[in-house]
N, C-alpha and C. Protein backbone atom coordinates (compact mmCIF):
# COMPACT_ATOMS: atom_id res chain seq x y z
N UNK A 1 -14.83 49.69 -77.60
CA UNK A 1 -14.09 49.89 -78.85
C UNK A 1 -14.65 49.01 -79.96
N UNK A 2 -15.08 47.81 -79.61
CA UNK A 2 -15.59 46.88 -80.62
C UNK A 2 -16.93 47.35 -81.19
N UNK A 3 -17.75 47.99 -80.37
CA UNK A 3 -19.09 48.39 -80.83
C UNK A 3 -19.16 49.84 -81.27
N UNK A 4 -18.15 50.62 -80.96
CA UNK A 4 -18.19 52.04 -81.30
C UNK A 4 -19.05 52.86 -80.37
N UNK A 5 -19.45 52.25 -79.25
CA UNK A 5 -20.29 52.96 -78.28
C UNK A 5 -19.69 52.82 -76.89
N UNK A 6 -19.93 53.79 -76.04
CA UNK A 6 -19.45 53.65 -74.66
C UNK A 6 -20.27 52.59 -73.94
N UNK A 7 -19.72 51.95 -72.90
CA UNK A 7 -20.49 50.96 -72.16
C UNK A 7 -21.71 51.58 -71.49
N UNK A 8 -22.76 50.78 -71.38
CA UNK A 8 -24.01 51.28 -70.80
C UNK A 8 -23.96 51.30 -69.28
N UNK A 9 -22.92 50.74 -68.70
CA UNK A 9 -22.79 50.70 -67.25
C UNK A 9 -21.57 49.88 -66.89
N UNK A 10 -21.37 49.61 -65.59
CA UNK A 10 -20.23 48.79 -65.18
C UNK A 10 -20.25 47.42 -65.85
N UNK A 11 -19.08 46.95 -66.23
CA UNK A 11 -18.99 45.69 -66.97
C UNK A 11 -19.62 44.54 -66.20
N UNK A 12 -19.39 44.48 -64.90
CA UNK A 12 -19.89 43.35 -64.12
C UNK A 12 -21.40 43.39 -63.92
N UNK A 13 -22.06 44.47 -64.33
CA UNK A 13 -23.52 44.55 -64.24
C UNK A 13 -24.20 44.07 -65.52
N UNK A 14 -23.43 43.46 -66.44
CA UNK A 14 -24.01 43.11 -67.73
C UNK A 14 -25.20 42.15 -67.64
N UNK A 15 -25.29 41.21 -66.65
CA UNK A 15 -26.46 40.32 -66.65
C UNK A 15 -27.78 41.07 -66.56
N UNK A 16 -27.78 42.18 -65.84
CA UNK A 16 -29.02 42.94 -65.70
C UNK A 16 -29.46 43.59 -67.00
N UNK A 17 -28.52 43.73 -67.95
CA UNK A 17 -28.86 44.36 -69.24
C UNK A 17 -29.01 43.33 -70.35
N UNK A 18 -28.84 42.06 -70.02
CA UNK A 18 -28.97 41.02 -71.04
C UNK A 18 -30.44 40.85 -71.43
N UNK A 19 -30.67 40.35 -72.64
CA UNK A 19 -32.03 40.08 -73.08
C UNK A 19 -32.64 38.91 -72.30
N UNK A 20 -31.81 38.02 -71.84
CA UNK A 20 -32.27 36.91 -71.01
C UNK A 20 -31.08 36.36 -70.25
N UNK A 21 -31.35 35.75 -69.12
CA UNK A 21 -30.31 35.09 -68.34
C UNK A 21 -30.84 33.75 -67.87
N UNK A 22 -30.03 32.73 -68.02
CA UNK A 22 -30.42 31.38 -67.64
C UNK A 22 -29.42 30.86 -66.62
N UNK A 23 -29.92 30.20 -65.59
CA UNK A 23 -29.06 29.69 -64.54
C UNK A 23 -29.22 28.16 -64.50
N UNK A 24 -28.09 27.47 -64.65
CA UNK A 24 -28.11 26.02 -64.81
C UNK A 24 -28.04 25.29 -63.48
N UNK A 25 -28.87 25.71 -62.55
CA UNK A 25 -29.01 25.04 -61.26
C UNK A 25 -30.42 25.30 -60.77
N UNK A 26 -30.66 25.16 -59.49
CA UNK A 26 -32.00 25.36 -58.92
C UNK A 26 -31.92 26.39 -57.80
N UNK A 27 -33.06 27.01 -57.43
CA UNK A 27 -33.02 28.08 -56.43
C UNK A 27 -32.36 27.71 -55.12
N UNK A 28 -32.49 26.46 -54.69
CA UNK A 28 -31.91 26.06 -53.40
C UNK A 28 -30.39 26.16 -53.40
N UNK A 29 -29.76 26.17 -54.58
CA UNK A 29 -28.30 26.18 -54.66
C UNK A 29 -27.75 27.50 -55.17
N UNK A 30 -28.57 28.53 -55.20
CA UNK A 30 -28.07 29.80 -55.71
C UNK A 30 -28.69 30.93 -54.90
N UNK A 31 -28.27 32.13 -55.20
CA UNK A 31 -28.78 33.30 -54.52
C UNK A 31 -29.77 34.01 -55.42
N UNK A 32 -30.76 34.72 -54.84
CA UNK A 32 -31.73 35.43 -55.68
C UNK A 32 -31.03 36.39 -56.62
N UNK A 33 -31.57 36.53 -57.80
CA UNK A 33 -30.96 37.43 -58.77
C UNK A 33 -31.63 37.31 -60.12
N UNK A 34 -30.94 37.82 -61.12
CA UNK A 34 -31.48 37.84 -62.47
C UNK A 34 -31.43 36.44 -63.07
N UNK A 35 -32.46 36.09 -63.81
CA UNK A 35 -32.40 34.87 -64.60
C UNK A 35 -33.43 33.83 -64.22
N UNK A 36 -33.58 32.88 -65.12
CA UNK A 36 -34.49 31.77 -64.90
C UNK A 36 -33.68 30.51 -64.57
N UNK A 37 -34.10 29.82 -63.54
CA UNK A 37 -33.46 28.56 -63.16
C UNK A 37 -34.02 27.44 -64.03
N UNK A 38 -33.13 26.74 -64.73
CA UNK A 38 -33.58 25.61 -65.54
C UNK A 38 -32.97 24.29 -65.08
N UNK A 39 -32.03 24.34 -64.15
CA UNK A 39 -31.37 23.12 -63.70
C UNK A 39 -30.30 22.67 -64.67
N UNK A 40 -29.65 21.55 -64.37
CA UNK A 40 -28.60 21.04 -65.26
C UNK A 40 -29.17 20.69 -66.63
N UNK A 41 -28.38 20.89 -67.66
CA UNK A 41 -28.84 20.55 -69.01
C UNK A 41 -28.19 19.28 -69.54
N UNK A 42 -27.11 18.79 -68.92
CA UNK A 42 -26.44 17.59 -69.40
C UNK A 42 -26.98 16.35 -68.72
N UNK A 43 -28.08 15.84 -69.21
CA UNK A 43 -28.72 14.70 -68.57
C UNK A 43 -28.79 13.51 -69.50
N UNK A 44 -27.73 13.26 -70.24
CA UNK A 44 -27.68 12.08 -71.09
C UNK A 44 -27.62 10.82 -70.22
N UNK A 45 -27.99 9.71 -70.80
CA UNK A 45 -27.92 8.44 -70.08
C UNK A 45 -26.48 8.15 -69.69
N UNK A 46 -26.29 7.62 -68.48
CA UNK A 46 -24.95 7.31 -68.00
C UNK A 46 -24.32 6.22 -68.87
N UNK A 47 -23.07 6.40 -69.27
CA UNK A 47 -22.41 5.36 -70.08
C UNK A 47 -22.17 4.10 -69.26
N UNK A 48 -22.10 2.99 -69.94
CA UNK A 48 -21.80 1.73 -69.26
C UNK A 48 -20.34 1.71 -68.84
N UNK A 49 -20.10 1.52 -67.55
CA UNK A 49 -18.75 1.48 -67.01
C UNK A 49 -18.53 0.11 -66.38
N UNK A 50 -17.45 -0.59 -66.73
CA UNK A 50 -17.21 -1.89 -66.11
C UNK A 50 -17.06 -1.75 -64.59
N UNK A 51 -17.67 -2.66 -63.87
CA UNK A 51 -17.57 -2.63 -62.41
C UNK A 51 -16.18 -3.09 -61.98
N UNK A 52 -15.57 -2.41 -61.02
CA UNK A 52 -14.27 -2.87 -60.51
C UNK A 52 -14.43 -4.20 -59.78
N UNK A 53 -13.32 -4.91 -59.63
CA UNK A 53 -13.39 -6.26 -59.05
C UNK A 53 -13.76 -6.25 -57.57
N UNK A 54 -13.71 -5.09 -56.93
CA UNK A 54 -14.07 -5.00 -55.52
C UNK A 54 -15.51 -4.55 -55.31
N UNK A 55 -16.31 -4.48 -56.37
CA UNK A 55 -17.63 -3.85 -56.30
C UNK A 55 -18.53 -4.47 -55.23
N UNK A 56 -18.42 -5.76 -54.99
CA UNK A 56 -19.28 -6.41 -53.99
C UNK A 56 -19.12 -5.77 -52.61
N UNK A 57 -17.97 -5.16 -52.34
CA UNK A 57 -17.74 -4.52 -51.05
C UNK A 57 -18.69 -3.36 -50.82
N UNK A 58 -19.19 -2.77 -51.90
CA UNK A 58 -20.10 -1.63 -51.77
C UNK A 58 -21.39 -2.04 -51.07
N UNK A 59 -21.75 -3.30 -51.21
CA UNK A 59 -22.98 -3.80 -50.58
C UNK A 59 -22.70 -4.58 -49.30
N UNK A 60 -21.60 -4.25 -48.64
CA UNK A 60 -21.21 -4.99 -47.43
C UNK A 60 -22.00 -4.57 -46.19
N UNK A 61 -22.77 -3.49 -46.29
CA UNK A 61 -23.54 -3.01 -45.15
C UNK A 61 -22.92 -1.81 -44.46
N UNK A 62 -21.66 -1.51 -44.77
CA UNK A 62 -21.03 -0.32 -44.19
C UNK A 62 -21.48 0.93 -44.94
N UNK A 63 -21.56 2.08 -44.26
CA UNK A 63 -21.83 3.31 -44.99
C UNK A 63 -20.75 3.56 -46.03
N UNK A 64 -21.15 3.96 -47.22
CA UNK A 64 -20.21 4.23 -48.30
C UNK A 64 -20.00 5.74 -48.41
N UNK A 65 -18.74 6.15 -48.36
CA UNK A 65 -18.38 7.56 -48.54
C UNK A 65 -17.58 7.67 -49.83
N UNK A 66 -18.13 8.39 -50.78
CA UNK A 66 -17.44 8.57 -52.06
C UNK A 66 -16.59 9.83 -52.02
N UNK A 67 -15.30 9.69 -52.31
CA UNK A 67 -14.39 10.83 -52.42
C UNK A 67 -14.19 11.08 -53.91
N UNK A 68 -14.75 12.17 -54.41
CA UNK A 68 -14.70 12.46 -55.84
C UNK A 68 -13.30 12.89 -56.26
N UNK A 69 -13.05 12.80 -57.55
CA UNK A 69 -11.71 13.09 -58.08
C UNK A 69 -11.29 14.53 -57.82
N UNK A 70 -12.26 15.46 -57.75
CA UNK A 70 -11.93 16.87 -57.57
C UNK A 70 -11.69 17.23 -56.10
N UNK A 71 -11.88 16.28 -55.20
CA UNK A 71 -11.70 16.53 -53.77
C UNK A 71 -10.22 16.41 -53.39
N UNK A 72 -9.85 16.88 -52.20
CA UNK A 72 -8.50 16.62 -51.68
C UNK A 72 -8.40 15.15 -51.29
N UNK A 73 -8.06 14.30 -52.26
CA UNK A 73 -8.20 12.85 -52.09
C UNK A 73 -7.32 12.32 -50.97
N UNK A 74 -6.03 12.64 -50.99
CA UNK A 74 -5.12 12.08 -49.99
C UNK A 74 -5.52 12.45 -48.57
N UNK A 75 -5.80 13.73 -48.26
CA UNK A 75 -6.23 14.05 -46.90
C UNK A 75 -7.55 13.36 -46.52
N UNK A 76 -8.48 13.26 -47.46
CA UNK A 76 -9.75 12.63 -47.15
C UNK A 76 -9.57 11.15 -46.83
N UNK A 77 -8.76 10.47 -47.63
CA UNK A 77 -8.49 9.05 -47.39
C UNK A 77 -7.80 8.87 -46.04
N UNK A 78 -6.83 9.73 -45.74
CA UNK A 78 -6.12 9.64 -44.47
C UNK A 78 -7.05 9.89 -43.29
N UNK A 79 -7.91 10.89 -43.42
CA UNK A 79 -8.81 11.21 -42.32
C UNK A 79 -9.83 10.12 -42.04
N UNK A 80 -10.24 9.40 -43.08
CA UNK A 80 -11.28 8.37 -42.92
C UNK A 80 -10.70 6.98 -42.71
N UNK A 81 -9.38 6.85 -42.80
CA UNK A 81 -8.74 5.55 -42.59
C UNK A 81 -9.04 5.03 -41.19
N UNK A 82 -9.37 3.76 -41.09
CA UNK A 82 -9.64 3.16 -39.80
C UNK A 82 -11.05 3.38 -39.28
N UNK A 83 -11.86 4.14 -40.02
CA UNK A 83 -13.24 4.37 -39.59
C UNK A 83 -14.13 3.23 -40.05
N UNK A 84 -15.39 3.28 -39.65
CA UNK A 84 -16.33 2.19 -39.96
C UNK A 84 -17.01 2.38 -41.30
N UNK A 85 -16.48 3.24 -42.16
CA UNK A 85 -17.09 3.47 -43.47
C UNK A 85 -16.23 2.82 -44.55
N UNK A 86 -16.85 2.58 -45.70
CA UNK A 86 -16.11 2.15 -46.88
C UNK A 86 -15.87 3.38 -47.74
N UNK A 87 -14.62 3.72 -47.97
CA UNK A 87 -14.26 4.89 -48.75
C UNK A 87 -14.06 4.46 -50.20
N UNK A 88 -14.79 5.08 -51.11
CA UNK A 88 -14.68 4.76 -52.54
C UNK A 88 -14.15 6.00 -53.25
N UNK A 89 -12.96 5.88 -53.82
CA UNK A 89 -12.29 7.01 -54.44
C UNK A 89 -12.46 6.94 -55.96
N UNK A 90 -12.86 8.05 -56.54
CA UNK A 90 -13.10 8.09 -57.97
C UNK A 90 -11.91 8.56 -58.77
N UNK A 91 -10.74 8.01 -58.50
CA UNK A 91 -9.55 8.34 -59.27
C UNK A 91 -8.50 7.27 -59.02
N UNK A 92 -7.50 7.24 -59.87
CA UNK A 92 -6.39 6.31 -59.66
C UNK A 92 -5.52 6.85 -58.52
N UNK A 93 -5.28 6.06 -57.52
CA UNK A 93 -4.52 6.49 -56.35
C UNK A 93 -3.25 5.65 -56.26
N UNK A 94 -2.12 6.35 -56.19
CA UNK A 94 -0.84 5.64 -56.08
C UNK A 94 -0.57 5.24 -54.64
N UNK A 95 0.15 4.18 -54.47
CA UNK A 95 0.55 3.75 -53.14
C UNK A 95 -0.46 2.82 -52.50
N UNK A 96 -0.12 2.38 -51.30
CA UNK A 96 -0.95 1.43 -50.57
C UNK A 96 -2.14 2.14 -49.96
N UNK A 97 -3.33 1.60 -50.18
CA UNK A 97 -4.55 2.20 -49.64
C UNK A 97 -4.88 1.61 -48.27
N UNK A 98 -5.53 2.39 -47.41
CA UNK A 98 -6.00 1.83 -46.14
C UNK A 98 -6.97 0.67 -46.40
N UNK A 99 -7.11 -0.24 -45.45
CA UNK A 99 -7.97 -1.41 -45.66
C UNK A 99 -9.43 -1.06 -45.99
N UNK A 100 -9.92 0.10 -45.54
CA UNK A 100 -11.32 0.45 -45.79
C UNK A 100 -11.51 1.31 -47.03
N UNK A 101 -10.52 1.36 -47.92
CA UNK A 101 -10.58 2.23 -49.10
C UNK A 101 -10.49 1.41 -50.38
N UNK A 102 -11.33 1.79 -51.34
CA UNK A 102 -11.29 1.19 -52.67
C UNK A 102 -11.19 2.33 -53.69
N UNK A 103 -10.56 2.06 -54.82
CA UNK A 103 -10.37 3.12 -55.82
C UNK A 103 -10.51 2.55 -57.22
N UNK A 104 -10.98 3.39 -58.13
CA UNK A 104 -11.05 3.06 -59.54
C UNK A 104 -11.02 4.37 -60.32
N UNK A 105 -10.36 4.39 -61.48
CA UNK A 105 -10.26 5.64 -62.24
C UNK A 105 -11.60 6.13 -62.76
N UNK A 106 -12.54 5.21 -63.01
CA UNK A 106 -13.88 5.58 -63.47
C UNK A 106 -14.89 4.75 -62.69
N UNK A 107 -15.93 5.42 -62.21
CA UNK A 107 -16.94 4.73 -61.42
C UNK A 107 -18.32 4.90 -62.06
N UNK A 108 -19.18 3.89 -61.94
CA UNK A 108 -20.54 4.01 -62.47
C UNK A 108 -21.44 4.77 -61.50
N UNK A 109 -21.54 6.09 -61.67
CA UNK A 109 -22.29 6.91 -60.73
C UNK A 109 -23.74 6.46 -60.61
N UNK A 110 -24.33 6.00 -61.70
CA UNK A 110 -25.73 5.59 -61.63
C UNK A 110 -25.93 4.40 -60.70
N UNK A 111 -24.90 3.61 -60.50
CA UNK A 111 -24.97 2.48 -59.57
C UNK A 111 -24.38 2.82 -58.21
N UNK A 112 -23.37 3.68 -58.18
CA UNK A 112 -22.70 4.00 -56.92
C UNK A 112 -23.53 4.92 -56.03
N UNK A 113 -24.05 5.99 -56.58
CA UNK A 113 -24.69 7.01 -55.75
C UNK A 113 -25.93 6.51 -55.01
N UNK A 114 -26.75 5.63 -55.58
CA UNK A 114 -27.86 5.10 -54.78
C UNK A 114 -27.40 4.31 -53.57
N UNK A 115 -26.15 3.87 -53.55
CA UNK A 115 -25.60 3.10 -52.44
C UNK A 115 -24.73 3.96 -51.51
N UNK A 116 -24.63 5.26 -51.79
CA UNK A 116 -23.68 6.13 -51.11
C UNK A 116 -24.35 6.90 -49.98
N UNK A 117 -23.64 7.02 -48.86
CA UNK A 117 -24.16 7.73 -47.69
C UNK A 117 -23.68 9.17 -47.61
N UNK A 118 -22.53 9.48 -48.22
CA UNK A 118 -22.00 10.85 -48.23
C UNK A 118 -20.99 10.96 -49.36
N UNK A 119 -20.85 12.18 -49.88
CA UNK A 119 -19.88 12.47 -50.94
C UNK A 119 -18.98 13.60 -50.47
N UNK A 120 -17.67 13.42 -50.65
CA UNK A 120 -16.69 14.48 -50.42
C UNK A 120 -16.24 14.98 -51.78
N UNK A 121 -16.39 16.28 -52.01
CA UNK A 121 -16.08 16.86 -53.32
C UNK A 121 -15.42 18.22 -53.16
N UNK A 122 -14.68 18.60 -54.18
CA UNK A 122 -14.10 19.93 -54.21
C UNK A 122 -15.07 20.98 -54.70
N UNK A 123 -16.28 20.58 -55.08
CA UNK A 123 -17.31 21.53 -55.48
C UNK A 123 -17.62 21.53 -56.96
N UNK A 124 -17.12 20.54 -57.70
CA UNK A 124 -17.49 20.43 -59.11
C UNK A 124 -19.01 20.31 -59.20
N UNK A 125 -19.63 21.18 -60.03
CA UNK A 125 -21.09 21.24 -60.05
C UNK A 125 -21.71 19.96 -60.58
N UNK A 126 -21.03 19.26 -61.48
CA UNK A 126 -21.57 17.99 -61.96
C UNK A 126 -21.66 16.98 -60.81
N UNK A 127 -20.60 16.92 -59.99
CA UNK A 127 -20.61 16.01 -58.84
C UNK A 127 -21.69 16.43 -57.85
N UNK A 128 -21.75 17.73 -57.55
CA UNK A 128 -22.75 18.24 -56.61
C UNK A 128 -24.16 17.89 -57.08
N UNK A 129 -24.46 18.19 -58.33
CA UNK A 129 -25.80 17.92 -58.84
C UNK A 129 -26.13 16.43 -58.83
N UNK A 130 -25.18 15.60 -59.27
CA UNK A 130 -25.42 14.16 -59.29
C UNK A 130 -25.71 13.64 -57.89
N UNK A 131 -24.92 14.06 -56.92
CA UNK A 131 -25.12 13.58 -55.54
C UNK A 131 -26.49 14.00 -55.02
N UNK A 132 -26.83 15.26 -55.22
CA UNK A 132 -28.10 15.76 -54.69
C UNK A 132 -29.29 15.14 -55.40
N UNK A 133 -29.15 14.82 -56.67
CA UNK A 133 -30.24 14.15 -57.37
C UNK A 133 -30.54 12.78 -56.77
N UNK A 134 -29.54 12.21 -56.07
CA UNK A 134 -29.74 10.94 -55.38
C UNK A 134 -29.95 11.12 -53.88
N UNK A 135 -30.12 12.36 -53.43
CA UNK A 135 -30.38 12.62 -52.01
C UNK A 135 -29.20 12.36 -51.11
N UNK A 136 -27.97 12.48 -51.64
CA UNK A 136 -26.76 12.18 -50.86
C UNK A 136 -26.21 13.48 -50.27
N UNK A 137 -25.98 13.55 -48.97
CA UNK A 137 -25.39 14.76 -48.37
C UNK A 137 -23.93 14.91 -48.76
N UNK A 138 -23.44 16.15 -48.69
CA UNK A 138 -22.13 16.49 -49.23
C UNK A 138 -21.22 17.11 -48.18
N UNK A 139 -19.93 16.89 -48.36
CA UNK A 139 -18.88 17.66 -47.69
C UNK A 139 -18.11 18.33 -48.81
N UNK A 140 -18.10 19.66 -48.83
CA UNK A 140 -17.56 20.40 -49.97
C UNK A 140 -16.40 21.27 -49.52
N UNK A 141 -15.26 21.10 -50.19
CA UNK A 141 -14.06 21.86 -49.82
C UNK A 141 -13.81 23.04 -50.75
N UNK A 142 -14.61 23.21 -51.79
CA UNK A 142 -14.37 24.27 -52.77
C UNK A 142 -15.41 25.37 -52.72
N UNK A 143 -15.47 26.14 -53.81
CA UNK A 143 -16.27 27.35 -53.83
C UNK A 143 -17.77 27.08 -53.75
N UNK A 144 -18.23 25.92 -54.19
CA UNK A 144 -19.66 25.61 -54.12
C UNK A 144 -20.12 25.33 -52.70
N UNK A 145 -19.17 25.21 -51.78
CA UNK A 145 -19.50 24.81 -50.42
C UNK A 145 -20.50 25.71 -49.74
N UNK A 146 -20.37 27.02 -49.90
CA UNK A 146 -21.27 27.95 -49.23
C UNK A 146 -22.70 27.76 -49.70
N UNK A 147 -22.88 27.49 -50.99
CA UNK A 147 -24.24 27.32 -51.52
C UNK A 147 -24.83 26.00 -51.05
N UNK A 148 -24.03 24.97 -51.01
CA UNK A 148 -24.52 23.69 -50.51
C UNK A 148 -24.88 23.80 -49.03
N UNK A 149 -24.02 24.45 -48.24
CA UNK A 149 -24.30 24.61 -46.82
C UNK A 149 -25.55 25.45 -46.60
N UNK A 150 -25.74 26.47 -47.42
CA UNK A 150 -26.93 27.32 -47.31
C UNK A 150 -28.20 26.52 -47.56
N UNK A 151 -28.13 25.53 -48.44
CA UNK A 151 -29.29 24.70 -48.72
C UNK A 151 -29.57 23.70 -47.61
N UNK A 152 -28.58 23.49 -46.72
CA UNK A 152 -28.71 22.52 -45.65
C UNK A 152 -28.31 21.12 -46.04
N UNK A 153 -27.88 20.93 -47.31
CA UNK A 153 -27.62 19.59 -47.83
C UNK A 153 -26.19 19.11 -47.58
N UNK A 154 -25.39 19.88 -46.84
CA UNK A 154 -24.03 19.46 -46.60
C UNK A 154 -23.26 20.46 -45.78
N UNK A 155 -21.97 20.24 -45.68
CA UNK A 155 -21.08 21.07 -44.88
C UNK A 155 -19.99 21.63 -45.77
N UNK A 156 -19.70 22.91 -45.61
CA UNK A 156 -18.62 23.57 -46.34
C UNK A 156 -17.37 23.62 -45.47
N UNK A 157 -16.25 23.25 -46.06
CA UNK A 157 -14.97 23.30 -45.35
C UNK A 157 -14.08 24.34 -46.00
N UNK A 158 -13.42 25.15 -45.21
CA UNK A 158 -12.45 26.09 -45.76
C UNK A 158 -11.15 25.38 -46.12
N UNK A 159 -10.84 24.34 -45.42
CA UNK A 159 -9.66 23.54 -45.72
C UNK A 159 -10.06 22.08 -45.79
N UNK A 160 -9.24 21.30 -46.48
CA UNK A 160 -9.57 19.89 -46.64
C UNK A 160 -8.63 18.98 -45.91
N UNK A 161 -8.20 19.36 -44.70
CA UNK A 161 -7.29 18.53 -43.92
C UNK A 161 -7.97 17.26 -43.44
N UNK A 162 -7.17 16.22 -43.09
CA UNK A 162 -7.75 14.94 -42.70
C UNK A 162 -8.75 15.02 -41.55
N UNK A 163 -8.41 15.74 -40.49
CA UNK A 163 -9.32 15.80 -39.34
C UNK A 163 -10.59 16.55 -39.68
N UNK A 164 -10.47 17.62 -40.44
CA UNK A 164 -11.66 18.40 -40.80
C UNK A 164 -12.60 17.58 -41.67
N UNK A 165 -12.05 16.86 -42.64
CA UNK A 165 -12.89 16.03 -43.50
C UNK A 165 -13.57 14.94 -42.68
N UNK A 166 -12.83 14.28 -41.81
CA UNK A 166 -13.40 13.21 -41.00
C UNK A 166 -14.52 13.73 -40.11
N UNK A 167 -14.32 14.88 -39.48
CA UNK A 167 -15.36 15.46 -38.62
C UNK A 167 -16.62 15.77 -39.43
N UNK A 168 -16.42 16.36 -40.60
CA UNK A 168 -17.56 16.74 -41.42
C UNK A 168 -18.32 15.52 -41.92
N UNK A 169 -17.59 14.48 -42.32
CA UNK A 169 -18.25 13.26 -42.77
C UNK A 169 -19.05 12.64 -41.63
N UNK A 170 -18.47 12.58 -40.44
CA UNK A 170 -19.22 12.03 -39.29
C UNK A 170 -20.48 12.84 -39.04
N UNK A 171 -20.39 14.15 -39.21
CA UNK A 171 -21.55 15.00 -38.95
C UNK A 171 -22.68 14.74 -39.93
N UNK A 172 -22.37 14.65 -41.23
CA UNK A 172 -23.45 14.46 -42.21
C UNK A 172 -24.01 13.05 -42.14
N UNK A 173 -23.20 12.09 -41.66
CA UNK A 173 -23.71 10.72 -41.52
C UNK A 173 -24.60 10.58 -40.29
N UNK A 174 -24.30 11.31 -39.24
CA UNK A 174 -25.00 11.12 -37.97
C UNK A 174 -26.25 11.97 -37.84
N UNK A 175 -26.36 13.03 -38.63
CA UNK A 175 -27.51 13.94 -38.51
C UNK A 175 -28.41 13.79 -39.74
N UNK A 176 -29.61 13.25 -39.57
CA UNK A 176 -30.48 12.99 -40.73
C UNK A 176 -30.95 14.25 -41.45
N UNK A 177 -30.78 15.42 -40.84
CA UNK A 177 -31.27 16.63 -41.50
C UNK A 177 -30.50 16.92 -42.79
N UNK A 178 -29.25 16.48 -42.87
CA UNK A 178 -28.48 16.73 -44.08
C UNK A 178 -29.04 15.91 -45.25
N UNK A 179 -29.36 14.66 -45.00
CA UNK A 179 -29.94 13.84 -46.07
C UNK A 179 -31.33 14.36 -46.45
N UNK A 180 -32.11 14.78 -45.46
CA UNK A 180 -33.44 15.31 -45.76
C UNK A 180 -33.34 16.55 -46.64
N UNK A 181 -32.38 17.43 -46.33
CA UNK A 181 -32.20 18.62 -47.15
C UNK A 181 -31.71 18.26 -48.54
N UNK A 182 -30.80 17.27 -48.62
CA UNK A 182 -30.31 16.83 -49.92
C UNK A 182 -31.44 16.28 -50.76
N UNK A 183 -32.33 15.51 -50.15
CA UNK A 183 -33.47 14.96 -50.88
C UNK A 183 -34.40 16.08 -51.37
N UNK A 184 -34.55 17.14 -50.56
CA UNK A 184 -35.39 18.26 -50.97
C UNK A 184 -34.79 18.99 -52.17
N UNK A 185 -33.47 19.21 -52.14
CA UNK A 185 -32.81 19.83 -53.29
C UNK A 185 -32.89 18.91 -54.50
N UNK A 186 -32.72 17.61 -54.26
CA UNK A 186 -32.83 16.65 -55.34
C UNK A 186 -34.19 16.69 -56.02
N UNK A 187 -35.24 16.93 -55.24
CA UNK A 187 -36.58 17.04 -55.82
C UNK A 187 -36.68 18.27 -56.74
N UNK A 188 -36.04 19.37 -56.34
CA UNK A 188 -36.00 20.55 -57.22
C UNK A 188 -35.26 20.24 -58.52
N UNK A 189 -34.15 19.53 -58.40
CA UNK A 189 -33.37 19.18 -59.59
C UNK A 189 -34.17 18.26 -60.51
N UNK A 190 -34.89 17.31 -59.93
CA UNK A 190 -35.68 16.39 -60.74
C UNK A 190 -36.80 17.11 -61.46
N UNK A 191 -37.35 18.15 -60.84
CA UNK A 191 -38.46 18.88 -61.44
C UNK A 191 -38.01 19.96 -62.42
N UNK A 192 -36.72 20.30 -62.43
CA UNK A 192 -36.22 21.36 -63.31
C UNK A 192 -36.32 20.93 -64.78
N UNK A 193 -36.62 21.85 -65.67
CA UNK A 193 -36.83 21.47 -67.08
C UNK A 193 -35.57 21.17 -67.85
N UNK A 194 -34.40 21.63 -67.37
CA UNK A 194 -33.16 21.36 -68.08
C UNK A 194 -33.11 21.99 -69.45
N UNK A 195 -32.72 21.21 -70.44
CA UNK A 195 -32.56 21.73 -71.81
C UNK A 195 -33.86 22.29 -72.36
N UNK A 196 -34.99 21.68 -72.00
CA UNK A 196 -36.28 22.20 -72.48
C UNK A 196 -36.52 23.61 -71.97
N UNK A 197 -36.09 23.91 -70.75
CA UNK A 197 -36.25 25.25 -70.22
C UNK A 197 -35.39 26.26 -70.96
N UNK A 198 -34.16 25.87 -71.28
CA UNK A 198 -33.29 26.74 -72.08
C UNK A 198 -33.92 27.00 -73.44
N UNK A 199 -34.47 25.96 -74.06
CA UNK A 199 -35.11 26.12 -75.37
C UNK A 199 -36.27 27.10 -75.30
N UNK A 200 -37.05 27.03 -74.23
CA UNK A 200 -38.17 27.96 -74.07
C UNK A 200 -37.69 29.41 -74.02
N UNK A 201 -36.60 29.64 -73.30
CA UNK A 201 -36.07 31.01 -73.20
C UNK A 201 -35.61 31.50 -74.57
N UNK A 202 -34.90 30.65 -75.30
CA UNK A 202 -34.42 31.04 -76.63
C UNK A 202 -35.58 31.26 -77.59
N UNK A 203 -36.58 30.39 -77.53
CA UNK A 203 -37.74 30.57 -78.41
C UNK A 203 -38.46 31.87 -78.16
N UNK A 204 -38.52 32.27 -76.87
CA UNK A 204 -39.19 33.53 -76.53
C UNK A 204 -38.41 34.72 -77.10
N UNK A 205 -37.10 34.59 -77.26
CA UNK A 205 -36.30 35.69 -77.77
C UNK A 205 -36.30 35.76 -79.30
N UNK A 206 -36.12 34.61 -79.94
CA UNK A 206 -35.91 34.62 -81.41
C UNK A 206 -36.96 33.82 -82.15
N UNK A 207 -37.89 33.19 -81.45
CA UNK A 207 -38.90 32.38 -82.12
C UNK A 207 -38.42 30.96 -82.30
N UNK A 208 -39.35 30.02 -82.46
CA UNK A 208 -38.97 28.61 -82.66
C UNK A 208 -38.10 28.45 -83.89
N UNK A 209 -37.13 27.51 -83.79
CA UNK A 209 -36.23 27.30 -84.92
C UNK A 209 -36.74 26.17 -85.79
């Protein structure tokens, strides 16, 4: 109705009729299809975040498991309570925390992820990309889980119950193939052109601005 013309085909097939399609990830995390992979485009320098007063615990020698804000935080914390890992939660958590858990509303990812052994996330692509850029294996409870599992860089969970999260975390920590796959995906992310790749696509369509 807006264009005065009938549709050229099914609405959901529009990417195949687009002048260009850009995908903001890398081939290891997506399925074959239309478009050019350019990787993430938001690669600004990490802002300075004050370190929490418990930060020294991160270097205590225990494996660090980061539970991201988008993850099922309470079940993950419960499942990992009493284990030999240090759980670092990226959100404000009410109530008494288990002795092996630390929390802060904002965390310095540029400092945390190089020290992290595994990340539990609900599948937020920013968290996924950041973790993989540092070669950290993932446990994913959301929609991105299938793509991460397909890459070999982590485990997808259909539910985020305490026992399931704990089992998955133990698996990615004990099997080096998950970290190796994460490092391989991270290499693709590091090599992706990002915003420069998007600019190239636009320049090819409309010319340099």
